[in-house]
Amino acid sequence: MSKNKEKKPKKEKIIYIDDGRSLADMSNVSGGNMFGKGTSSSPKEIWNTYWSATKMMLKPTLVAVGFLVTAFLIISLIFKVM
């Protein structure tokens, strides 16, 4: 390595202090009301997005419901609730 390389300036280390508050100070956050601006998507695009997300989550939902029903039936057979 050559000794002529310039050293990079060290980054300032950020120190976070927990003051125990549950809410953060958001006074310096820029932006405004995000509601009411609407979307530039067409209703067809919105519907296609909704339906693709629904199709993607259909199998995991059915598996979870099947697991809950199976667990309920096993527990009800063990304790003879039904």
PDB file of N, CA and C in Angstrom:
ATOM      1  N   MET A   1       0.835  -1.169   0.000  1.00  0.00           N
ATOM      2  CA  MET A   1       0.000   0.000   0.000  1.00  0.00           C
ATOM      3  C   MET A   1       0.886   1.239   0.000  1.00  0.00           C
ATOM      4  N   SER A   2       0.410   2.222  -0.684  1.00  0.00           N
ATOM      5  CA  SER A   2       1.211   3.439  -0.740  1.00  0.00           C
ATOM      6  C   SER A   2       0.848   4.360   0.418  1.00  0.00           C
ATOM      7  N   LYS A   3       1.826   5.123   0.834  1.00  0.00           N
ATOM      8  CA  LYS A   3       1.613   6.042   1.952  1.00  0.00           C
ATOM      9  C   LYS A   3       0.980   7.344   1.482  1.00  0.00           C
ATOM     10  N   ASN A   4       0.844   7.515   0.181  1.00  0.00           N
ATOM     11  CA  ASN A   4       0.319   8.764  -0.360  1.00  0.00           C
ATOM     12  C   ASN A   4      -1.204   8.802  -0.419  1.00  0.00           C
ATOM     13  N   LYS A   5      -1.845   7.704  -0.102  1.00  0.00           N
ATOM     14  CA  LYS A   5      -3.306   7.696  -0.133  1.00  0.00           C
ATOM     15  C   LYS A   5      -3.837   8.622   0.951  1.00  0.00           C
ATOM     16  N   GLU A   6      -4.841   9.352   0.551  1.00  0.00           N
ATOM     17  CA  GLU A   6      -5.452  10.256   1.535  1.00  0.00           C
ATOM     18  C   GLU A   6      -6.352   9.449   2.460  1.00  0.00           C
ATOM     19  N   LYS A   7      -6.340   9.809   3.706  1.00  0.00           N
ATOM     20  CA  LYS A   7      -7.192   9.133   4.673  1.00  0.00           C
ATOM     21  C   LYS A   7      -8.598   9.697   4.562  1.00  0.00           C
ATOM     22  N   LYS A   8      -9.552   8.806   4.615  1.00  0.00           N
ATOM     23  CA  LYS A   8     -10.940   9.237   4.573  1.00  0.00           C
ATOM     24  C   LYS A   8     -11.289   9.869   5.918  1.00  0.00           C
ATOM     25  N   PRO A   9     -12.080  10.933   5.888  1.00  0.00           N
ATOM     26  CA  PRO A   9     -12.481  11.519   7.174  1.00  0.00           C
ATOM     27  C   PRO A   9     -13.409  10.557   7.907  1.00  0.00           C
ATOM     28  N   LYS A  10     -13.226  10.480   9.196  1.00  0.00           N
ATOM     29  CA  LYS A  10     -14.043   9.576  10.002  1.00  0.00           C
ATOM     30  C   LYS A  10     -15.462  10.112  10.081  1.00  0.00           C
ATOM     31  N   LYS A  11     -16.400   9.190  10.027  1.00  0.00           N
ATOM     32  CA  LYS A  11     -17.791   9.573  10.152  1.00  0.00           C
ATOM     33  C   LYS A  11     -18.103   9.898  11.605  1.00  0.00           C
ATOM     34  N   GLU A  12     -18.974  10.872  11.757  1.00  0.00           N
ATOM     35  CA  GLU A  12     -19.372  11.250  13.111  1.00  0.00           C
ATOM     36  C   GLU A  12     -20.255  10.149  13.683  1.00  0.00           C
ATOM     37  N   LYS A  13     -19.916   9.674  14.862  1.00  0.00           N
ATOM     38  CA  LYS A  13     -20.680   8.610  15.494  1.00  0.00           C
ATOM     39  C   LYS A  13     -21.931   9.212  16.126  1.00  0.00           C
ATOM     40  N   ILE A  14     -23.054   8.645  15.781  1.00  0.00           N
ATOM     41  CA  ILE A  14     -24.326   9.124  16.297  1.00  0.00           C
ATOM     42  C   ILE A  14     -24.624   8.398  17.595  1.00  0.00           C
ATOM     43  N   ILE A  15     -24.961   9.144  18.599  1.00  0.00           N
ATOM     44  CA  ILE A  15     -25.289   8.573  19.907  1.00  0.00           C
ATOM     45  C   ILE A  15     -26.780   8.789  20.146  1.00  0.00           C
ATOM     46  N   TYR A  16     -27.488   7.706  20.360  1.00  0.00           N
ATOM     47  CA  TYR A  16     -28.908   7.773  20.645  1.00  0.00           C
ATOM     48  C   TYR A  16     -29.108   7.706  22.154  1.00  0.00           C
ATOM     49  N   ILE A  17     -29.925   8.590  22.655  1.00  0.00           N
ATOM     50  CA  ILE A  17     -30.179   8.650  24.091  1.00  0.00           C
ATOM     51  C   ILE A  17     -31.655   8.338  24.321  1.00  0.00           C
ATOM     52  N   ASP A  18     -31.922   7.339  25.141  1.00  0.00           N
ATOM     53  CA  ASP A  18     -33.290   6.973  25.470  1.00  0.00           C
ATOM     54  C   ASP A  18     -33.713   7.768  26.690  1.00  0.00           C
ATOM     55  N   ASP A  19     -34.713   8.646  26.486  1.00  0.00           N
ATOM     56  CA  ASP A  19     -35.182   9.448  27.613  1.00  0.00           C
ATOM     57  C   ASP A  19     -36.436   8.858  28.249  1.00  0.00           C
ATOM     58  N   GLY A  20     -36.835   7.678  27.794  1.00  0.00           N
ATOM     59  CA  GLY A  20     -37.949   6.995  28.431  1.00  0.00           C
ATOM     60  C   GLY A  20     -39.311   7.360  27.881  1.00  0.00           C
ATOM     61  N   ARG A  21     -39.378   8.309  26.951  1.00  0.00           N
ATOM     62  CA  ARG A  21     -40.679   8.669  26.397  1.00  0.00           C
ATOM     63  C   ARG A  21     -41.115   7.632  25.385  1.00  0.00           C
ATOM     64  N   SER A  22     -42.429   7.412  25.296  1.00  0.00           N
ATOM     65  CA  SER A  22     -42.932   6.433  24.343  1.00  0.00           C
ATOM     66  C   SER A  22     -43.185   7.052  22.971  1.00  0.00           C
ATOM     67  N   LEU A  23     -43.300   8.362  22.896  1.00  0.00           N
ATOM     68  CA  LEU A  23     -43.545   9.033  21.623  1.00  0.00           C
ATOM     69  C   LEU A  23     -42.290   9.761  21.178  1.00  0.00           C
ATOM     70  N   ALA A  24     -42.029   9.716  19.896  1.00  0.00           N
ATOM     71  CA  ALA A  24     -40.861  10.401  19.355  1.00  0.00           C
ATOM     72  C   ALA A  24     -41.222  11.836  19.015  1.00  0.00           C
ATOM     73  N   ASP A  25     -40.223  12.702  19.003  1.00  0.00           N
ATOM     74  CA  ASP A  25     -40.417  14.093  18.621  1.00  0.00           C
ATOM     75  C   ASP A  25     -40.460  14.166  17.105  1.00  0.00           C
ATOM     76  N   MET A  26     -41.606  14.473  16.567  1.00  0.00           N
ATOM     77  CA  MET A  26     -41.782  14.509  15.118  1.00  0.00           C
ATOM     78  C   MET A  26     -41.892  15.944  14.611  1.00  0.00           C
ATOM     79  N   SER A  27     -41.411  16.914  15.376  1.00  0.00           N
ATOM     80  CA  SER A  27     -41.589  18.312  14.994  1.00  0.00           C
ATOM     81  C   SER A  27     -40.757  18.706  13.782  1.00  0.00           C
ATOM     82  N   ASN A  28     -39.645  18.040  13.518  1.00  0.00           N
ATOM     83  CA  ASN A  28     -38.797  18.413  12.394  1.00  0.00           C
ATOM     84  C   ASN A  28     -39.079  17.607  11.129  1.00  0.00           C
ATOM     85  N   VAL A  29     -40.104  16.769  11.154  1.00  0.00           N
ATOM     86  CA  VAL A  29     -40.420  15.950   9.999  1.00  0.00           C
ATOM     87  C   VAL A  29     -41.192  16.788   8.998  1.00  0.00           C
ATOM     88  N   SER A  30     -40.694  16.799   7.776  1.00  0.00           N
ATOM     89  CA  SER A  30     -41.391  17.573   6.755  1.00  0.00           C
ATOM     90  C   SER A  30     -42.438  16.702   6.088  1.00  0.00           C
ATOM     91  N   GLY A  31     -43.318  17.321   5.395  1.00  0.00           N
ATOM     92  CA  GLY A  31     -44.392  16.599   4.729  1.00  0.00           C
ATOM     93  C   GLY A  31     -45.702  17.179   5.184  1.00  0.00           C
ATOM     94  N   GLY A  32     -46.730  16.628   4.687  1.00  0.00           N
ATOM     95  CA  GLY A  32     -48.030  17.156   5.051  1.00  0.00           C
ATOM     96  C   GLY A  32     -49.042  16.055   5.123  1.00  0.00           C
ATOM     97  N   ASN A  33     -50.245  16.447   4.926  1.00  0.00           N
ATOM     98  CA  ASN A  33     -51.332  15.497   4.960  1.00  0.00           C
ATOM     99  C   ASN A  33     -51.249  14.622   3.721  1.00  0.00           C
ATOM    100  N   MET A  34     -51.083  13.323   3.918  1.00  0.00           N
ATOM    101  CA  MET A  34     -50.941  12.416   2.797  1.00  0.00           C
ATOM    102  C   MET A  34     -52.306  11.928   2.297  1.00  0.00           C
ATOM    103  N   PHE A  35     -53.363  12.209   3.029  1.00  0.00           N
ATOM    104  CA  PHE A  35     -54.686  11.755   2.634  1.00  0.00           C
ATOM    105  C   PHE A  35     -55.297  12.742   1.650  1.00  0.00           C
ATOM    106  N   GLY A  36     -56.137  12.253   0.814  1.00  0.00           N
ATOM    107  CA  GLY A  36     -56.840  13.118  -0.109  1.00  0.00           C
ATOM    108  C   GLY A  36     -56.123  13.328  -1.427  1.00  0.00           C
ATOM    109  N   LYS A  37     -54.920  12.811  -1.577  1.00  0.00           N
ATOM    110  CA  LYS A  37     -54.198  13.006  -2.826  1.00  0.00           C
ATOM    111  C   LYS A  37     -54.648  12.014  -3.883  1.00  0.00           C
ATOM    112  N   GLY A  38     -55.210  10.892  -3.469  1.00  0.00           N
ATOM    113  CA  GLY A  38     -55.720   9.918  -4.415  1.00  0.00           C
ATOM    114  C   GLY A  38     -54.616   9.114  -5.069  1.00  0.00           C
ATOM    115  N   THR A  39     -54.967   8.443  -6.127  1.00  0.00           N
ATOM    116  CA  THR A  39     -54.023   7.603  -6.840  1.00  0.00           C
ATOM    117  C   THR A  39     -54.144   7.863  -8.332  1.00  0.00           C
ATOM    118  N   SER A  40     -53.095   7.594  -9.045  1.00  0.00           N
ATOM    119  CA  SER A  40     -53.136   7.772 -10.490  1.00  0.00           C
ATOM    120  C   SER A  40     -53.436   6.457 -11.204  1.00  0.00           C
ATOM    121  N   SER A  41     -53.741   5.416 -10.441  1.00  0.00           N
ATOM    122  CA  SER A  41     -54.037   4.111 -11.026  1.00  0.00           C
ATOM    123  C   SER A  41     -55.479   4.049 -11.486  1.00  0.00           C
ATOM    124  N   SER A  42     -55.690   3.267 -12.517  1.00  0.00           N
ATOM    125  CA  SER A  42     -57.055   3.065 -13.008  1.00  0.00           C
ATOM    126  C   SER A  42     -57.750   2.024 -12.139  1.00  0.00           C
ATOM    127  N   PRO A  43     -59.067   2.008 -12.152  1.00  0.00           N
ATOM    128  CA  PRO A  43     -59.781   0.983 -11.371  1.00  0.00           C
ATOM    129  C   PRO A  43     -59.403  -0.439 -11.782  1.00  0.00           C
ATOM    130  N   LYS A  44     -59.120  -0.657 -13.071  1.00  0.00           N
ATOM    131  CA  LYS A  44     -58.719  -1.990 -13.526  1.00  0.00           C
ATOM    132  C   LYS A  44     -57.383  -2.397 -12.907  1.00  0.00           C
ATOM    133  N   GLU A  45     -56.422  -1.469 -12.831  1.00  0.00           N
ATOM    134  CA  GLU A  45     -55.129  -1.765 -12.212  1.00  0.00           C
ATOM    135  C   GLU A  45     -55.291  -2.049 -10.727  1.00  0.00           C
ATOM    136  N   ILE A  46     -56.142  -1.280 -10.078  1.00  0.00           N
ATOM    137  CA  ILE A  46     -56.391  -1.485  -8.643  1.00  0.00           C
ATOM    138  C   ILE A  46     -57.001  -2.861  -8.420  1.00  0.00           C
ATOM    139  N   TRP A  47     -57.996  -3.234  -9.256  1.00  0.00           N
ATOM    140  CA  TRP A  47     -58.631  -4.536  -9.116  1.00  0.00           C
ATOM    141  C   TRP A  47     -57.634  -5.656  -9.370  1.00  0.00           C
ATOM    142  N   ASN A  48     -56.783  -5.529 -10.382  1.00  0.00           N
ATOM    143  CA  ASN A  48     -55.793  -6.571 -10.670  1.00  0.00           C
ATOM    144  C   ASN A  48     -54.800  -6.720  -9.522  1.00  0.00           C
ATOM    145  N   THR A  49     -54.396  -5.622  -8.925  1.00  0.00           N
ATOM    146  CA  THR A  49     -53.491  -5.686  -7.780  1.00  0.00           C
ATOM    147  C   THR A  49     -54.155  -6.377  -6.597  1.00  0.00           C
ATOM    148  N   TYR A  50     -55.401  -6.005  -6.326  1.00  0.00           N
ATOM    149  CA  TYR A  50     -56.135  -6.625  -5.225  1.00  0.00           C
ATOM    150  C   TYR A  50     -56.287  -8.123  -5.453  1.00  0.00           C
ATOM    151  N   TRP A  51     -56.689  -8.515  -6.664  1.00  0.00           N
ATOM    152  CA  TRP A  51     -56.948  -9.922  -6.928  1.00  0.00           C
ATOM    153  C   TRP A  51     -55.665 -10.744  -6.901  1.00  0.00           C
ATOM    154  N   SER A  52     -54.559 -10.184  -7.385  1.00  0.00           N
ATOM    155  CA  SER A  52     -53.300 -10.937  -7.350  1.00  0.00           C
ATOM    156  C   SER A  52     -52.833 -11.131  -5.904  1.00  0.00           C
ATOM    157  N   ALA A  53     -53.026 -10.131  -5.055  1.00  0.00           N
ATOM    158  CA  ALA A  53     -52.664 -10.282  -3.646  1.00  0.00           C
ATOM    159  C   ALA A  53     -53.571 -11.302  -2.955  1.00  0.00           C
ATOM    160  N   THR A  54     -54.857 -11.303  -3.317  1.00  0.00           N
ATOM    161  CA  THR A  54     -55.792 -12.259  -2.734  1.00  0.00           C
ATOM    162  C   THR A  54     -55.433 -13.682  -3.145  1.00  0.00           C
ATOM    163  N   LYS A  55     -55.113 -13.882  -4.424  1.00  0.00           N
ATOM    164  CA  LYS A  55     -54.723 -15.214  -4.895  1.00  0.00           C
ATOM    165  C   LYS A  55     -53.438 -15.680  -4.227  1.00  0.00           C
ATOM    166  N   MET A  56     -52.536 -14.743  -3.981  1.00  0.00           N
ATOM    167  CA  MET A  56     -51.264 -15.105  -3.359  1.00  0.00           C
ATOM    168  C   MET A  56     -51.467 -15.578  -1.918  1.00  0.00           C
ATOM    169  N   MET A  57     -52.435 -15.024  -1.220  1.00  0.00           N
ATOM    170  CA  MET A  57     -52.632 -15.351   0.188  1.00  0.00           C
ATOM    171  C   MET A  57     -53.725 -16.392   0.426  1.00  0.00           C
ATOM    172  N   LEU A  58     -54.332 -16.919  -0.640  1.00  0.00           N
ATOM    173  CA  LEU A  58     -55.430 -17.870  -0.462  1.00  0.00           C
ATOM    174  C   LEU A  58     -54.942 -19.195   0.115  1.00  0.00           C
ATOM    175  N   LYS A  59     -53.898 -19.771  -0.424  1.00  0.00           N
ATOM    176  CA  LYS A  59     -53.395 -21.060   0.075  1.00  0.00           C
ATOM    177  C   LYS A  59     -52.890 -20.973   1.520  1.00  0.00           C
ATOM    178  N   PRO A  60     -52.070 -19.971   1.882  1.00  0.00           N
ATOM    179  CA  PRO A  60     -51.654 -19.891   3.296  1.00  0.00           C
ATOM    180  C   PRO A  60     -52.825 -19.698   4.253  1.00  0.00           C
ATOM    181  N   THR A  61     -53.852 -18.972   3.813  1.00  0.00           N
ATOM    182  CA  THR A  61     -55.027 -18.777   4.662  1.00  0.00           C
ATOM    183  C   THR A  61     -55.764 -20.092   4.856  1.00  0.00           C
ATOM    184  N   LEU A  62     -55.939 -20.850   3.786  1.00  0.00           N
ATOM    185  CA  LEU A  62     -56.617 -22.143   3.899  1.00  0.00           C
ATOM    186  C   LEU A  62     -55.821 -23.111   4.769  1.00  0.00           C
ATOM    187  N   VAL A  63     -54.503 -23.099   4.666  1.00  0.00           N
ATOM    188  CA  VAL A  63     -53.671 -23.965   5.505  1.00  0.00           C
ATOM    189  C   VAL A  63     -53.824 -23.581   6.973  1.00  0.00           C
ATOM    190  N   ALA A  64     -53.811 -22.289   7.265  1.00  0.00           N
ATOM    191  CA  ALA A  64     -53.950 -21.843   8.659  1.00  0.00           C
ATOM    192  C   ALA A  64     -55.323 -22.207   9.216  1.00  0.00           C
ATOM    193  N   VAL A  65     -56.378 -22.005   8.437  1.00  0.00           N
ATOM    194  CA  VAL A  65     -57.726 -22.356   8.894  1.00  0.00           C
ATOM    195  C   VAL A  65     -57.848 -23.866   9.079  1.00  0.00           C
ATOM    196  N   GLY A  66     -57.266 -24.624   8.161  1.00  0.00           N
ATOM    197  CA  GLY A  66     -57.288 -26.084   8.297  1.00  0.00           C
ATOM    198  C   GLY A  66     -56.566 -26.547   9.550  1.00  0.00           C
ATOM    199  N   PHE A  67     -55.428 -25.911   9.851  1.00  0.00           N
ATOM    200  CA  PHE A  67     -54.707 -26.251  11.069  1.00  0.00           C
ATOM    201  C   PHE A  67     -55.544 -25.944  12.311  1.00  0.00           C
ATOM    202  N   LEU A  68     -56.198 -24.800  12.332  1.00  0.00           N
ATOM    203  CA  LEU A  68     -57.026 -24.444  13.492  1.00  0.00           C
ATOM    204  C   LEU A  68     -58.203 -25.398  13.650  1.00  0.00           C
ATOM    205  N   VAL A  69     -58.850 -25.763  12.542  1.00  0.00           N
ATOM    206  CA  VAL A  69     -59.978 -26.697  12.619  1.00  0.00           C
ATOM    207  C   VAL A  69     -59.508 -28.067  13.108  1.00  0.00           C
ATOM    208  N   THR A  70     -58.374 -28.533  12.587  1.00  0.00           N
ATOM    209  CA  THR A  70     -57.830 -29.817  13.013  1.00  0.00           C
ATOM    210  C   THR A  70     -57.473 -29.800  14.498  1.00  0.00           C
ATOM    211  N   ALA A  71     -56.837 -28.734  14.945  1.00  0.00           N
ATOM    212  CA  ALA A  71     -56.486 -28.622  16.362  1.00  0.00           C
ATOM    213  C   ALA A  71     -57.736 -28.607  17.232  1.00  0.00           C
ATOM    214  N   PHE A  72     -58.777 -27.876  16.783  1.00  0.00           N
ATOM    215  CA  PHE A  72     -60.023 -27.836  17.544  1.00  0.00           C
ATOM    216  C   PHE A  72     -60.657 -29.219  17.627  1.00  0.00           C
ATOM    217  N   LEU A  73     -60.678 -29.944  16.507  1.00  0.00           N
ATOM    218  CA  LEU A  73     -61.284 -31.275  16.517  1.00  0.00           C
ATOM    219  C   LEU A  73     -60.513 -32.239  17.409  1.00  0.00           C
ATOM    220  N   ILE A  74     -59.194 -32.176  17.366  1.00  0.00           N
ATOM    221  CA  ILE A  74     -58.394 -33.061  18.224  1.00  0.00           C
ATOM    222  C   ILE A  74     -58.620 -32.740  19.695  1.00  0.00           C
ATOM    223  N   ILE A  75     -58.627 -31.485  20.047  1.00  0.00           N
ATOM    224  CA  ILE A  75     -58.841 -31.096  21.446  1.00  0.00           C
ATOM    225  C   ILE A  75     -60.263 -31.451  21.886  1.00  0.00           C
ATOM    226  N   SER A  76     -61.237 -31.255  20.995  1.00  0.00           N
ATOM    227  CA  SER A  76     -62.604 -31.598  21.380  1.00  0.00           C
ATOM    228  C   SER A  76     -62.780 -33.111  21.539  1.00  0.00           C
ATOM    229  N   LEU A  77     -62.044 -33.911  20.755  1.00  0.00           N
ATOM    230  CA  LEU A  77     -62.109 -35.377  20.950  1.00  0.00           C
ATOM    231  C   LEU A  77     -61.430 -35.789  22.244  1.00  0.00           C
ATOM    232  N   ILE A  78     -60.345 -35.105  22.600  1.00  0.00           N
ATOM    233  CA  ILE A  78     -59.651 -35.456  23.827  1.00  0.00           C
ATOM    234  C   ILE A  78     -60.505 -35.137  25.041  1.00  0.00           C
ATOM    235  N   PHE A  79     -61.134 -33.973  25.065  1.00  0.00           N
ATOM    236  CA  PHE A  79     -61.922 -33.548  26.222  1.00  0.00           C
ATOM    237  C   PHE A  79     -63.411 -33.841  26.062  1.00  0.00           C
ATOM    238  N   LYS A  80     -63.821 -34.446  24.937  1.00  0.00           N
ATOM    239  CA  LYS A  80     -65.198 -34.813  24.658  1.00  0.00           C
ATOM    240  C   LYS A  80     -66.161 -33.657  24.855  1.00  0.00           C
ATOM    241  N   VAL A  81     -65.812 -32.523  24.239  1.00  0.00           N
ATOM    242  CA  VAL A  81     -66.634 -31.329  24.365  1.00  0.00           C
ATOM    243  C   VAL A  81     -67.822 -31.393  23.405  1.00  0.00           C
ATOM    244  N   MET A  82     -67.603 -31.923  22.237  1.00  0.00           N
ATOM    245  CA  MET A  82     -68.671 -31.902  21.228  1.00  0.00           C
ATOM    246  C   MET A  82     -69.748 -32.891  21.530  1.00  0.00           C
TER     247      MET A  82
END
